[in-house]
């Protein structure tokens, strides 16, 4: 497999990362055999993973397997921060600032969104986002105190592959230094529509149980990350769109609000 990067730093960082990750014991990732320059672009030559299919978050088995692999990845990636200079090659993940930017872009498109979304649903999304921005600064210190690892940064279901040899996690272009919970927040936003916005799903799962005991994590769950991530795609369809399981979603947000009061 060939992947293109704009700079040598990006390409070489991937190569160094995969070598260190394998050395740390994580075998469920492709290897990079070489970095090649052609004109002003750098290409990595990655191991091809045959006989694979992406996981499906609608299936509980796939959700459980991807979470287990993600947890293993976090454990193996954390020691890599101790390698000289490697940690300095990676960006830190600015959760609050990143979501501020996405929210500003959403507001910029507000007139068009009013033509595509129901007023009640749009108002709910705005209120949920504001609740995050109002409350998260109070918990920012607790967030910053969380133990860091190298997060994957894009835990979409298509980046988990099931093969004859087992599971693989691919596409590490968004690597960053951050608490593992950042990946779990993204994972949560992607699976919630498939579990009908059930908070009890997190209360039952061993990996999420300690996270939902953290106020900063609960506040972060208020942010409508799925809408802020996908609204452009929905707008391109040039037709009205609605929130799935809207009543369940409202109850999910209300439960969190009750827990953090």
C-alpha atoms as a PDB file:
ATOM      1  CA  UNK A   1       0.000   0.000   0.000  1.00  0.00           C
ATOM      2  CA  UNK A   2       1.249   3.503  -0.832  1.00  0.00           C
ATOM      3  CA  UNK A   3       0.321   6.640   1.118  1.00  0.00           C
ATOM      4  CA  UNK A   4       1.326  10.174   0.224  1.00  0.00           C
ATOM      5  CA  UNK A   5       2.485  12.908   2.615  1.00  0.00           C
ATOM      6  CA  UNK A   6       3.331  16.539   1.970  1.00  0.00           C
ATOM      7  CA  UNK A   7       6.460  16.619   4.124  1.00  0.00           C
ATOM      8  CA  UNK A   8       9.319  14.330   5.036  1.00  0.00           C
ATOM      9  CA  UNK A   9       8.514  14.899   8.721  1.00  0.00           C
ATOM     10  CA  UNK A  10       5.034  13.432   8.329  1.00  0.00           C
ATOM     11  CA  UNK A  11       6.227  10.410   6.389  1.00  0.00           C
ATOM     12  CA  UNK A  12       9.263   9.686   8.568  1.00  0.00           C
ATOM     13  CA  UNK A  13       7.208  10.145  11.736  1.00  0.00           C
ATOM     14  CA  UNK A  14       4.892   7.387  10.539  1.00  0.00           C
ATOM     15  CA  UNK A  15       7.831   5.097   9.815  1.00  0.00           C
ATOM     16  CA  UNK A  16       9.446   5.693  13.210  1.00  0.00           C
ATOM     17  CA  UNK A  17       6.109   5.285  14.963  1.00  0.00           C
ATOM     18  CA  UNK A  18       5.310   1.913  13.399  1.00  0.00           C
ATOM     19  CA  UNK A  19       8.757   0.572  14.211  1.00  0.00           C
ATOM     20  CA  UNK A  20       8.504   1.658  17.834  1.00  0.00           C
ATOM     21  CA  UNK A  21       4.935   0.394  18.125  1.00  0.00           C
ATOM     22  CA  UNK A  22       5.938  -3.049  16.891  1.00  0.00           C
ATOM     23  CA  UNK A  23       8.874  -3.043  19.297  1.00  0.00           C
ATOM     24  CA  UNK A  24       6.428  -2.216  22.095  1.00  0.00           C
ATOM     25  CA  UNK A  25       4.447  -5.368  21.318  1.00  0.00           C
ATOM     26  CA  UNK A  26       1.565  -4.136  19.171  1.00  0.00           C
ATOM     27  CA  UNK A  27       1.352  -6.350  16.094  1.00  0.00           C
ATOM     28  CA  UNK A  28      -2.092  -5.315  14.853  1.00  0.00           C
ATOM     29  CA  UNK A  29      -0.807  -2.499  12.634  1.00  0.00           C
ATOM     30  CA  UNK A  30       0.790  -2.424   9.179  1.00  0.00           C
ATOM     31  CA  UNK A  31       4.524  -1.940   8.821  1.00  0.00           C
ATOM     32  CA  UNK A  32       6.207   0.742   6.740  1.00  0.00           C
ATOM     33  CA  UNK A  33       8.953  -0.701   4.606  1.00  0.00           C
ATOM     34  CA  UNK A  34      10.322   2.532   3.171  1.00  0.00           C
ATOM     35  CA  UNK A  35       9.823   6.258   2.572  1.00  0.00           C
ATOM     36  CA  UNK A  36      10.267   7.408  -1.027  1.00  0.00           C
ATOM     37  CA  UNK A  37      10.400  10.931  -2.389  1.00  0.00           C
ATOM     38  CA  UNK A  38       8.958  11.762  -5.782  1.00  0.00           C
ATOM     39  CA  UNK A  39       9.096  15.410  -6.819  1.00  0.00           C
ATOM     40  CA  UNK A  40       7.668  17.308  -3.808  1.00  0.00           C
ATOM     41  CA  UNK A  41       5.714  14.428  -2.268  1.00  0.00           C
ATOM     42  CA  UNK A  42       6.828  11.700   0.140  1.00  0.00           C
ATOM     43  CA  UNK A  43       5.359   8.213  -0.073  1.00  0.00           C
ATOM     44  CA  UNK A  44       5.331   5.445   2.518  1.00  0.00           C
ATOM     45  CA  UNK A  45       5.277   1.818   1.411  1.00  0.00           C
ATOM     46  CA  UNK A  46       3.055  -0.037   3.870  1.00  0.00           C
ATOM     47  CA  UNK A  47       2.316  -3.706   4.314  1.00  0.00           C
ATOM     48  CA  UNK A  48      -0.847  -4.741   2.502  1.00  0.00           C
ATOM     49  CA  UNK A  49      -3.442  -6.407   4.756  1.00  0.00           C
ATOM     50  CA  UNK A  50      -5.273  -9.083   2.728  1.00  0.00           C
ATOM     51  CA  UNK A  51      -8.667 -10.747   3.199  1.00  0.00           C
ATOM     52  CA  UNK A  52     -10.066  -7.989   5.381  1.00  0.00           C
ATOM     53  CA  UNK A  53     -13.383  -6.299   6.058  1.00  0.00           C
ATOM     54  CA  UNK A  54     -14.043  -3.162   8.118  1.00  0.00           C
ATOM     55  CA  UNK A  55     -15.862  -3.561  11.392  1.00  0.00           C
ATOM     56  CA  UNK A  56     -19.463  -2.465  11.798  1.00  0.00           C
ATOM     57  CA  UNK A  57     -20.418  -0.515  14.922  1.00  0.00           C
ATOM     58  CA  UNK A  58     -24.011  -1.665  14.514  1.00  0.00           C
ATOM     59  CA  UNK A  59     -22.801  -5.098  15.693  1.00  0.00           C
ATOM     60  CA  UNK A  60     -22.065  -5.565  19.388  1.00  0.00           C
ATOM     61  CA  UNK A  61     -19.324  -8.094  18.624  1.00  0.00           C
ATOM     62  CA  UNK A  62     -17.525  -5.581  16.433  1.00  0.00           C
ATOM     63  CA  UNK A  63     -17.931  -2.820  19.018  1.00  0.00           C
ATOM     64  CA  UNK A  64     -16.476  -5.024  21.749  1.00  0.00           C
ATOM     65  CA  UNK A  65     -13.587  -6.246  19.600  1.00  0.00           C
ATOM     66  CA  UNK A  66     -12.622  -2.771  18.427  1.00  0.00           C
ATOM     67  CA  UNK A  67     -12.655  -1.431  21.994  1.00  0.00           C
ATOM     68  CA  UNK A  68     -10.438  -4.275  23.180  1.00  0.00           C
ATOM     69  CA  UNK A  69      -7.962  -3.626  20.369  1.00  0.00           C
ATOM     70  CA  UNK A  70      -7.991   0.118  21.018  1.00  0.00           C
ATOM     71  CA  UNK A  71      -7.253  -0.500  24.689  1.00  0.00           C
ATOM     72  CA  UNK A  72      -4.320  -2.745  23.765  1.00  0.00           C
ATOM     73  CA  UNK A  73      -3.047  -0.088  21.375  1.00  0.00           C
ATOM     74  CA  UNK A  74      -3.120   2.609  24.086  1.00  0.00           C
ATOM     75  CA  UNK A  75      -1.125   0.387  26.442  1.00  0.00           C
ATOM     76  CA  UNK A  76       1.544  -0.307  23.822  1.00  0.00           C
ATOM     77  CA  UNK A  77       1.709   3.283  22.568  1.00  0.00           C
ATOM     78  CA  UNK A  78       2.162   4.951  25.957  1.00  0.00           C
ATOM     79  CA  UNK A  79       5.825   3.897  26.473  1.00  0.00           C
ATOM     80  CA  UNK A  80       6.720   5.424  23.104  1.00  0.00           C
ATOM     81  CA  UNK A  81       6.488   8.867  24.695  1.00  0.00           C
ATOM     82  CA  UNK A  82       9.626   8.022  26.666  1.00  0.00           C
ATOM     83  CA  UNK A  83      11.761   7.616  23.545  1.00  0.00           C
ATOM     84  CA  UNK A  84      14.137  10.572  23.101  1.00  0.00           C
ATOM     85  CA  UNK A  85      12.813  13.180  20.683  1.00  0.00           C
ATOM     86  CA  UNK A  86       9.868  11.074  19.470  1.00  0.00           C
ATOM     87  CA  UNK A  87       7.339  12.688  21.781  1.00  0.00           C
ATOM     88  CA  UNK A  88       8.424  16.086  20.488  1.00  0.00           C
ATOM     89  CA  UNK A  89       7.572  14.998  16.936  1.00  0.00           C
ATOM     90  CA  UNK A  90       3.899  14.623  17.815  1.00  0.00           C
ATOM     91  CA  UNK A  91       1.267  17.343  18.302  1.00  0.00           C
ATOM     92  CA  UNK A  92      -0.781  17.604  21.478  1.00  0.00           C
ATOM     93  CA  UNK A  93      -4.526  17.275  21.076  1.00  0.00           C
ATOM     94  CA  UNK A  94      -6.303  20.594  21.877  1.00  0.00           C
ATOM     95  CA  UNK A  95      -9.789  19.271  22.624  1.00  0.00           C
ATOM     96  CA  UNK A  96     -11.454  22.530  23.680  1.00  0.00           C
ATOM     97  CA  UNK A  97      -9.875  24.640  20.943  1.00  0.00           C
ATOM     98  CA  UNK A  98     -10.603  22.065  18.243  1.00  0.00           C
ATOM     99  CA  UNK A  99     -14.261  21.906  19.197  1.00  0.00           C
ATOM    100  CA  UNK A 100     -14.455  25.681  19.384  1.00  0.00           C
ATOM    101  CA  UNK A 101     -13.306  25.813  15.767  1.00  0.00           C
ATOM    102  CA  UNK A 102     -15.851  23.230  14.660  1.00  0.00           C
ATOM    103  CA  UNK A 103     -18.596  25.057  16.514  1.00  0.00           C
ATOM    104  CA  UNK A 104     -17.639  28.383  14.875  1.00  0.00           C
ATOM    105  CA  UNK A 105     -17.808  26.753  11.443  1.00  0.00           C
ATOM    106  CA  UNK A 106     -21.212  25.323  12.317  1.00  0.00           C
ATOM    107  CA  UNK A 107     -22.480  28.766  13.347  1.00  0.00           C
ATOM    108  CA  UNK A 108     -21.126  30.262  10.141  1.00  0.00           C
ATOM    109  CA  UNK A 109     -23.377  27.886   8.208  1.00  0.00           C
ATOM    110  CA  UNK A 110     -26.332  28.522  10.506  1.00  0.00           C
ATOM    111  CA  UNK A 111     -28.641  30.221   7.927  1.00  0.00           C
ATOM    112  CA  UNK A 112     -28.271  27.264   5.578  1.00  0.00           C
ATOM    113  CA  UNK A 113     -28.690  24.794   8.421  1.00  0.00           C
ATOM    114  CA  UNK A 114     -31.971  26.440   9.379  1.00  0.00           C
ATOM    115  CA  UNK A 115     -33.288  25.450   5.951  1.00  0.00           C
ATOM    116  CA  UNK A 116     -32.301  21.798   6.406  1.00  0.00           C
ATOM    117  CA  UNK A 117     -32.893  20.991  10.076  1.00  0.00           C
ATOM    118  CA  UNK A 118     -35.954  21.072  12.286  1.00  0.00           C
ATOM    119  CA  UNK A 119     -35.933  24.078  14.598  1.00  0.00           C
ATOM    120  CA  UNK A 120     -36.242  21.938  17.742  1.00  0.00           C
ATOM    121  CA  UNK A 121     -33.327  19.725  16.754  1.00  0.00           C
ATOM    122  CA  UNK A 122     -31.102  22.615  15.723  1.00  0.00           C
ATOM    123  CA  UNK A 123     -31.815  24.445  18.984  1.00  0.00           C
ATOM    124  CA  UNK A 124     -31.002  21.289  20.915  1.00  0.00           C
ATOM    125  CA  UNK A 125     -27.652  20.896  19.157  1.00  0.00           C
ATOM    126  CA  UNK A 126     -26.710  24.510  19.901  1.00  0.00           C
ATOM    127  CA  UNK A 127     -27.747  24.178  23.542  1.00  0.00           C
ATOM    128  CA  UNK A 128     -25.743  20.956  23.960  1.00  0.00           C
ATOM    129  CA  UNK A 129     -22.632  22.594  22.503  1.00  0.00           C
ATOM    130  CA  UNK A 130     -23.009  25.652  24.722  1.00  0.00           C
ATOM    131  CA  UNK A 131     -23.383  23.413  27.768  1.00  0.00           C
ATOM    132  CA  UNK A 132     -20.011  21.872  26.979  1.00  0.00           C
ATOM    133  CA  UNK A 133     -18.259  25.220  26.467  1.00  0.00           C
ATOM    134  CA  UNK A 134     -19.750  26.676  29.658  1.00  0.00           C
ATOM    135  CA  UNK A 135     -18.814  23.734  31.885  1.00  0.00           C
ATOM    136  CA  UNK A 136     -15.617  22.218  30.506  1.00  0.00           C
ATOM    137  CA  UNK A 137     -13.235  25.010  31.647  1.00  0.00           C
ATOM    138  CA  UNK A 138     -14.094  24.106  35.246  1.00  0.00           C
ATOM    139  CA  UNK A 139     -12.748  20.617  34.625  1.00  0.00           C
ATOM    140  CA  UNK A 140      -9.876  21.503  32.291  1.00  0.00           C
ATOM    141  CA  UNK A 141      -7.276  20.974  35.030  1.00  0.00           C
ATOM    142  CA  UNK A 142      -8.548  17.462  35.700  1.00  0.00           C
ATOM    143  CA  UNK A 143      -8.434  16.756  31.974  1.00  0.00           C
ATOM    144  CA  UNK A 144      -4.846  17.986  31.679  1.00  0.00           C
ATOM    145  CA  UNK A 145      -3.849  15.832  34.664  1.00  0.00           C
ATOM    146  CA  UNK A 146      -4.922  12.629  32.898  1.00  0.00           C
ATOM    147  CA  UNK A 147      -2.093  10.251  31.992  1.00  0.00           C
ATOM    148  CA  UNK A 148      -1.144  10.675  28.333  1.00  0.00           C
ATOM    149  CA  UNK A 149      -0.581   8.206  25.544  1.00  0.00           C
ATOM    150  CA  UNK A 150      -0.389   8.501  21.767  1.00  0.00           C
ATOM    151  CA  UNK A 151      -3.996   8.478  20.667  1.00  0.00           C
ATOM    152  CA  UNK A 152      -5.044   7.101  17.305  1.00  0.00           C
ATOM    153  CA  UNK A 153      -7.242  10.102  16.560  1.00  0.00           C
ATOM    154  CA  UNK A 154      -9.632   8.504  14.046  1.00  0.00           C
ATOM    155  CA  UNK A 155     -11.414   5.490  15.524  1.00  0.00           C
ATOM    156  CA  UNK A 156     -14.010   5.211  12.762  1.00  0.00           C
ATOM    157  CA  UNK A 157     -15.199   1.653  12.191  1.00  0.00           C
ATOM    158  CA  UNK A 158     -13.515   1.456   8.776  1.00  0.00           C
ATOM    159  CA  UNK A 159     -10.112   1.819  10.463  1.00  0.00           C
ATOM    160  CA  UNK A 160     -10.597  -1.500  12.247  1.00  0.00           C
ATOM    161  CA  UNK A 161     -10.149  -4.473   9.938  1.00  0.00           C
ATOM    162  CA  UNK A 162     -11.098  -8.095  10.590  1.00  0.00           C
ATOM    163  CA  UNK A 163      -8.864 -10.564   8.770  1.00  0.00           C
ATOM    164  CA  UNK A 164      -8.137 -14.277   8.793  1.00  0.00           C
ATOM    165  CA  UNK A 165      -5.213 -13.505  11.108  1.00  0.00           C
ATOM    166  CA  UNK A 166      -7.202 -11.335  13.509  1.00  0.00           C
ATOM    167  CA  UNK A 167      -7.964  -7.632  13.941  1.00  0.00           C
ATOM    168  CA  UNK A 168      -5.923  -4.716  12.642  1.00  0.00           C
ATOM    169  CA  UNK A 169      -6.021  -0.991  13.394  1.00  0.00           C
ATOM    170  CA  UNK A 170      -4.992   1.187  10.443  1.00  0.00           C
ATOM    171  CA  UNK A 171      -4.640   4.848   9.390  1.00  0.00           C
ATOM    172  CA  UNK A 172      -2.555   6.613  12.037  1.00  0.00           C
ATOM    173  CA  UNK A 173      -2.338   9.978  10.297  1.00  0.00           C
ATOM    174  CA  UNK A 174      -3.966  11.830  13.218  1.00  0.00           C
ATOM    175  CA  UNK A 175      -1.596  10.659  15.946  1.00  0.00           C
ATOM    176  CA  UNK A 176      -1.410  13.034  18.895  1.00  0.00           C
ATOM    177  CA  UNK A 177      -0.378  13.153  22.534  1.00  0.00           C
ATOM    178  CA  UNK A 178      -3.494  13.073  24.720  1.00  0.00           C
ATOM    179  CA  UNK A 179      -5.327  11.038  27.347  1.00  0.00           C
ATOM    180  CA  UNK A 180      -6.718   7.747  25.972  1.00  0.00           C
ATOM    181  CA  UNK A 181     -10.164   9.110  26.804  1.00  0.00           C
ATOM    182  CA  UNK A 182     -10.014  11.307  23.681  1.00  0.00           C
ATOM    183  CA  UNK A 183     -10.209   8.198  21.510  1.00  0.00           C
ATOM    184  CA  UNK A 184     -13.000   6.830  23.693  1.00  0.00           C
ATOM    185  CA  UNK A 185     -14.954  10.081  23.356  1.00  0.00           C
ATOM    186  CA  UNK A 186     -14.772   9.769  19.597  1.00  0.00           C
ATOM    187  CA  UNK A 187     -15.674   6.102  19.792  1.00  0.00           C
ATOM    188  CA  UNK A 188     -18.687   6.979  21.961  1.00  0.00           C
ATOM    189  CA  UNK A 189     -19.969   9.573  19.489  1.00  0.00           C
ATOM    190  CA  UNK A 190     -19.760   7.003  16.691  1.00  0.00           C
ATOM    191  CA  UNK A 191     -21.513   4.133  18.462  1.00  0.00           C
ATOM    192  CA  UNK A 192     -24.234   6.042  20.321  1.00  0.00           C
ATOM    193  CA  UNK A 193     -26.671   6.036  17.366  1.00  0.00           C
ATOM    194  CA  UNK A 194     -26.239   2.254  17.188  1.00  0.00           C
ATOM    195  CA  UNK A 195     -27.114   1.754  20.873  1.00  0.00           C
ATOM    196  CA  UNK A 196     -30.042   4.217  20.800  1.00  0.00           C
ATOM    197  CA  UNK A 197     -28.138   6.740  22.929  1.00  0.00           C
ATOM    198  CA  UNK A 198     -28.119   4.431  25.907  1.00  0.00           C
ATOM    199  CA  UNK A 199     -26.020   5.747  28.786  1.00  0.00           C
ATOM    200  CA  UNK A 200     -26.264   2.356  30.461  1.00  0.00           C
ATOM    201  CA  UNK A 201     -24.054   0.963  27.682  1.00  0.00           C
ATOM    202  CA  UNK A 202     -21.132   2.922  29.150  1.00  0.00           C
ATOM    203  CA  UNK A 203     -22.063   2.035  32.705  1.00  0.00           C
ATOM    204  CA  UNK A 204     -21.882  -1.656  31.832  1.00  0.00           C
ATOM    205  CA  UNK A 205     -18.646  -1.614  29.851  1.00  0.00           C
ATOM    206  CA  UNK A 206     -15.449  -2.058  31.923  1.00  0.00           C
ATOM    207  CA  UNK A 207     -13.425   0.378  29.786  1.00  0.00           C
ATOM    208  CA  UNK A 208     -16.022   3.136  30.087  1.00  0.00           C
ATOM    209  CA  UNK A 209     -16.951   2.676  33.757  1.00  0.00           C
ATOM    210  CA  UNK A 210     -13.991   4.674  35.138  1.00  0.00           C
ATOM    211  CA  UNK A 211     -14.448   7.322  32.435  1.00  0.00           C
ATOM    212  CA  UNK A 212     -18.102   8.093  33.188  1.00  0.00           C
ATOM    213  CA  UNK A 213     -17.063   8.612  36.805  1.00  0.00           C
ATOM    214  CA  UNK A 214     -15.000  11.606  35.633  1.00  0.00           C
ATOM    215  CA  UNK A 215     -16.990  14.887  35.430  1.00  0.00           C
ATOM    216  CA  UNK A 216     -14.821  16.230  32.578  1.00  0.00           C
ATOM    217  CA  UNK A 217     -15.596  13.158  30.478  1.00  0.00           C
ATOM    218  CA  UNK A 218     -19.325  13.495  31.157  1.00  0.00           C
ATOM    219  CA  UNK A 219     -19.239  17.160  30.158  1.00  0.00           C
ATOM    220  CA  UNK A 220     -17.387  16.265  26.967  1.00  0.00           C
ATOM    221  CA  UNK A 221     -20.148  13.787  26.106  1.00  0.00           C
ATOM    222  CA  UNK A 222     -22.540  16.750  25.948  1.00  0.00           C
ATOM    223  CA  UNK A 223     -20.810  18.139  22.874  1.00  0.00           C
ATOM    224  CA  UNK A 224     -22.616  17.018  19.669  1.00  0.00           C
ATOM    225  CA  UNK A 225     -19.396  15.800  18.086  1.00  0.00           C
ATOM    226  CA  UNK A 226     -21.193  13.663  15.510  1.00  0.00           C
ATOM    227  CA  UNK A 227     -23.153  16.598  14.100  1.00  0.00           C
ATOM    228  CA  UNK A 228     -20.143  18.913  14.163  1.00  0.00           C
ATOM    229  CA  UNK A 229     -18.200  16.282  12.259  1.00  0.00           C
ATOM    230  CA  UNK A 230     -20.822  15.278   9.695  1.00  0.00           C
ATOM    231  CA  UNK A 231     -22.946  18.356   8.980  1.00  0.00           C
ATOM    232  CA  UNK A 232     -21.043  19.259   5.796  1.00  0.00           C
ATOM    233  CA  UNK A 233     -21.666  15.805   4.364  1.00  0.00           C
ATOM    234  CA  UNK A 234     -25.339  16.063   5.233  1.00  0.00           C
ATOM    235  CA  UNK A 235     -25.569  19.512   3.616  1.00  0.00           C
ATOM    236  CA  UNK A 236     -24.110  18.180   0.359  1.00  0.00           C
ATOM    237  CA  UNK A 237     -27.030  15.799   0.025  1.00  0.00           C
ATOM    238  CA  UNK A 238     -29.161  18.861  -0.651  1.00  0.00           C
ATOM    239  CA  UNK A 239     -32.168  17.657   1.319  1.00  0.00           C
ATOM    240  CA  UNK A 240     -33.481  18.046   4.881  1.00  0.00           C
ATOM    241  CA  UNK A 241     -31.884  15.897   7.559  1.00  0.00           C
ATOM    242  CA  UNK A 242     -32.980  14.925  11.036  1.00  0.00           C
ATOM    243  CA  UNK A 243     -31.327  13.552  14.157  1.00  0.00           C
ATOM    244  CA  UNK A 244     -31.763   9.836  14.635  1.00  0.00           C
ATOM    245  CA  UNK A 245     -33.260   8.674  17.933  1.00  0.00           C
ATOM    246  CA  UNK A 246     -33.886  12.280  18.909  1.00  0.00           C
ATOM    247  CA  UNK A 247     -35.938  11.508  22.031  1.00  0.00           C
ATOM    248  CA  UNK A 248     -33.325   9.009  23.214  1.00  0.00           C
ATOM    249  CA  UNK A 249     -30.638  11.596  22.597  1.00  0.00           C
ATOM    250  CA  UNK A 250     -32.471  14.207  24.673  1.00  0.00           C
ATOM    251  CA  UNK A 251     -32.765  11.746  27.551  1.00  0.00           C
ATOM    252  CA  UNK A 252     -29.056  10.937  27.264  1.00  0.00           C
ATOM    253  CA  UNK A 253     -28.108  14.615  27.564  1.00  0.00           C
ATOM    254  CA  UNK A 254     -30.568  15.198  30.394  1.00  0.00           C
ATOM    255  CA  UNK A 255     -29.114  12.291  32.362  1.00  0.00           C
ATOM    256  CA  UNK A 256     -25.626  13.754  32.067  1.00  0.00           C
ATOM    257  CA  UNK A 257     -26.870  17.195  33.089  1.00  0.00           C
ATOM    258  CA  UNK A 258     -28.443  15.667  36.192  1.00  0.00           C
ATOM    259  CA  UNK A 259     -25.204  13.862  37.039  1.00  0.00           C
ATOM    260  CA  UNK A 260     -22.977  16.947  36.858  1.00  0.00           C
ATOM    261  CA  UNK A 261     -25.205  19.372  38.746  1.00  0.00           C
END
